[in-house]
C-alpha atoms as a PDB file:
ATOM      1  CA  THR A   1      20.954  11.094  20.636  1.00  0.00           C
ATOM      2  CA  ALA A   2      18.110   9.815  18.574  1.00  0.00           C
ATOM      3  CA  ASP A   3      15.649  10.877  21.347  1.00  0.00           C
ATOM      4  CA  THR A   4      16.920  14.450  21.096  1.00  0.00           C
ATOM      5  CA  TYR A   5      16.576  14.478  17.353  1.00  0.00           C
ATOM      6  CA  ILE A   6      13.004  13.161  17.533  1.00  0.00           C
ATOM      7  CA  GLU A   7      12.218  15.772  20.105  1.00  0.00           C
ATOM      8  CA  LYS A   8      13.481  18.591  18.046  1.00  0.00           C
ATOM      9  CA  GLN A   9      11.742  17.490  14.916  1.00  0.00           C
ATOM     10  CA  CYS A  10       8.421  17.262  16.834  1.00  0.00           C
ATOM     11  CA  ALA A  11       8.954  20.676  18.356  1.00  0.00           C
ATOM     12  CA  ASP A  12       9.633  22.155  14.957  1.00  0.00           C
ATOM     13  CA  PHE A  13       6.514  20.346  13.533  1.00  0.00           C
ATOM     14  CA  ARG A  14       4.360  21.817  16.193  1.00  0.00           C
ATOM     15  CA  TYR A  15       4.737  25.391  14.634  1.00  0.00           C
ATOM     16  CA  ASP A  16       4.869  24.196  10.985  1.00  0.00           C
ATOM     17  CA  VAL A  17       1.876  25.251   8.863  1.00  0.00           C
ATOM     18  CA  ARG A  18       2.279  22.099   6.822  1.00  0.00           C
ATOM     19  CA  ARG A  19       1.068  19.985   9.804  1.00  0.00           C
ATOM     20  CA  PHE A  20      -2.520  20.648   8.582  1.00  0.00           C
ATOM     21  CA  GLU A  21      -1.565  18.998   5.256  1.00  0.00           C
ATOM     22  CA  CYS A  22       0.703  16.186   6.344  1.00  0.00           C
ATOM     23  CA  ARG A  23       1.327  13.870   9.236  1.00  0.00           C
ATOM     24  CA  LEU A  24       4.366  13.296  11.441  1.00  0.00           C
ATOM     25  CA  ILE A  25       4.437   9.815  12.735  1.00  0.00           C
ATOM     26  CA  VAL A  26       7.198   8.552  15.078  1.00  0.00           C
ATOM     27  CA  ALA A  27       7.767   4.877  15.569  1.00  0.00           C
ATOM     28  CA  THR A  28       8.788   4.268  19.127  1.00  0.00           C
ATOM     29  CA  SER A  29       7.984   1.786  21.930  1.00  0.00           C
ATOM     30  CA  ASP A  30       9.399   4.084  24.632  1.00  0.00           C
ATOM     31  CA  ARG A  31       6.598   5.450  26.771  1.00  0.00           C
ATOM     32  CA  THR A  32       8.308   8.746  27.611  1.00  0.00           C
ATOM     33  CA  GLN A  33       8.959   9.395  23.822  1.00  0.00           C
ATOM     34  CA  ARG A  34       5.447   8.474  23.104  1.00  0.00           C
ATOM     35  CA  ARG A  35       4.063  11.134  25.439  1.00  0.00           C
ATOM     36  CA  MET A  36       6.416  13.780  24.159  1.00  0.00           C
ATOM     37  CA  VAL A  37       5.450  13.017  20.616  1.00  0.00           C
ATOM     38  CA  VAL A  38       1.755  13.301  21.352  1.00  0.00           C
ATOM     39  CA  GLY A  39       2.351  16.460  23.365  1.00  0.00           C
ATOM     40  CA  TYR A  40       3.861  18.120  20.364  1.00  0.00           C
ATOM     41  CA  GLY A  41       0.961  17.166  18.147  1.00  0.00           C
ATOM     42  CA  ALA A  42       2.562  14.382  16.129  1.00  0.00           C
ATOM     43  CA  GLU A  43       1.397  10.777  16.006  1.00  0.00           C
ATOM     44  CA  TRP A  44       3.167   7.630  17.137  1.00  0.00           C
ATOM     45  CA  MET A  45       3.108   3.982  16.295  1.00  0.00           C
ATOM     46  CA  SER A  46       4.922   1.109  18.020  1.00  0.00           C
ATOM     47  CA  ALA A  47       7.998  -0.292  16.580  1.00  0.00           C
ATOM     48  CA  GLN A  48       6.194  -3.642  16.134  1.00  0.00           C
ATOM     49  CA  ARG A  49       3.382  -1.964  14.188  1.00  0.00           C
ATOM     50  CA  LEU A  50       5.983  -0.285  11.945  1.00  0.00           C
ATOM     51  CA  LEU A  51       7.486  -3.678  11.244  1.00  0.00           C
ATOM     52  CA  SER A  52       4.177  -5.176  10.502  1.00  0.00           C
ATOM     53  CA  ASP A  53       3.129  -2.372   8.158  1.00  0.00           C
ATOM     54  CA  MET A  54       6.485  -2.520   6.288  1.00  0.00           C
ATOM     55  CA  SER A  55       6.260  -6.274   5.877  1.00  0.00           C
ATOM     56  CA  ALA A  56       2.697  -5.871   4.442  1.00  0.00           C
ATOM     57  CA  GLN A  57       3.802  -3.274   1.954  1.00  0.00           C
ATOM     58  CA  HIS A  58       6.773  -5.367   0.959  1.00  0.00           C
ATOM     59  CA  GLN A  59       4.451  -8.274   0.297  1.00  0.00           C
ATOM     60  CA  GLN A  60       2.131  -6.081  -1.853  1.00  0.00           C
ATOM     61  CA  VAL A  61       5.086  -4.806  -3.860  1.00  0.00           C
ATOM     62  CA  ARG A  62       6.275  -8.319  -4.491  1.00  0.00           C
ATOM     63  CA  GLN A  63       2.797  -9.443  -5.650  1.00  0.00           C
ATOM     64  CA  ARG A  64       2.517  -6.481  -8.040  1.00  0.00           C
ATOM     65  CA  LYS A  65       5.954  -7.252  -9.592  1.00  0.00           C
ATOM     66  CA  GLN A  66       5.201 -10.909 -10.276  1.00  0.00           C
ATOM     67  CA  PRO A  67       4.260 -11.508 -13.858  1.00  0.00           C
ATOM     68  CA  LYS A  68       0.655 -12.345 -14.387  1.00  0.00           C
ATOM     69  CA  LYS A  69       0.086 -15.833 -15.579  1.00  0.00           C
ATOM     70  CA  SER A  70      -1.424 -15.777 -19.095  1.00  0.00           C
ATOM     71  CA  THR A  71      -2.567 -18.770 -21.073  1.00  0.00           C
ATOM     72  CA  GLY A  72      -2.155 -16.726 -24.284  1.00  0.00           C
ATOM     73  CA  ARG A  73      -5.803 -17.575 -25.153  1.00  0.00           C
ATOM     74  CA  LEU A  74      -8.790 -15.304 -25.257  1.00  0.00           C
ATOM     75  CA  SER A  75     -11.165 -18.006 -23.945  1.00  0.00           C
ATOM     76  CA  GLY A  76     -10.859 -16.735 -20.427  1.00  0.00           C
ATOM     77  CA  ALA A  77     -11.589 -13.101 -21.496  1.00  0.00           C
ATOM     78  CA  LEU A  78     -14.653 -13.714 -23.666  1.00  0.00           C
ATOM     79  CA  ASP A  79     -18.079 -14.742 -22.733  1.00  0.00           C
ATOM     80  CA  PRO A  80     -19.415 -18.141 -23.918  1.00  0.00           C
ATOM     81  CA  VAL A  81     -21.640 -16.775 -26.611  1.00  0.00           C
ATOM     82  CA  ALA A  82     -18.728 -14.824 -28.166  1.00  0.00           C
ATOM     83  CA  LEU A  83     -16.574 -18.001 -28.069  1.00  0.00           C
ATOM     84  CA  GLN A  84     -19.265 -20.038 -29.749  1.00  0.00           C
ATOM     85  CA  ARG A  85     -19.657 -17.492 -32.545  1.00  0.00           C
ATOM     86  CA  LEU A  86     -15.880 -17.337 -33.107  1.00  0.00           C
ATOM     87  CA  SER A  87     -15.748 -21.135 -33.246  1.00  0.00           C
ATOM     88  CA  GLN A  88     -18.579 -21.216 -35.860  1.00  0.00           C
ATOM     89  CA  MET A  89     -16.709 -18.549 -37.854  1.00  0.00           C
ATOM     90  CA  ARG A  90     -13.501 -20.529 -37.707  1.00  0.00           C
ATOM     91  CA  TYR A  91     -15.030 -23.733 -39.018  1.00  0.00           C
ATOM     92  CA  GLY A  92     -17.273 -21.965 -41.554  1.00  0.00           C
ATOM     93  CA  LEU A  93     -20.519 -22.859 -39.956  1.00  0.00           C
ATOM     94  CA  SER A  94     -23.435 -20.634 -40.155  1.00  0.00           C
ATOM     95  CA  GLY A  95     -24.860 -19.275 -36.866  1.00  0.00           C
ATOM     96  CA  LYS A  96     -28.455 -19.288 -38.324  1.00  0.00           C
END
């Protein structure tokens, strides 16, 4: 069963030297499983928390993939003094 698999993985993790470098987190809402997981030195989170974390990550990935809206103009990237000087240069006005 899934519970047996989780228990075996946690038991193996207990003696694994990598446990000092990485974390083993089990998502379960079962109280008995939770106690067993903690007893083996792993961490647990509720199934609801896992769903919430995954939804938040999904939202962040979607926002990063959306193309950034660009006006194609430098006016938003330059300070007002630089814009004024460029405008003067464009129209051949002296800035003196």
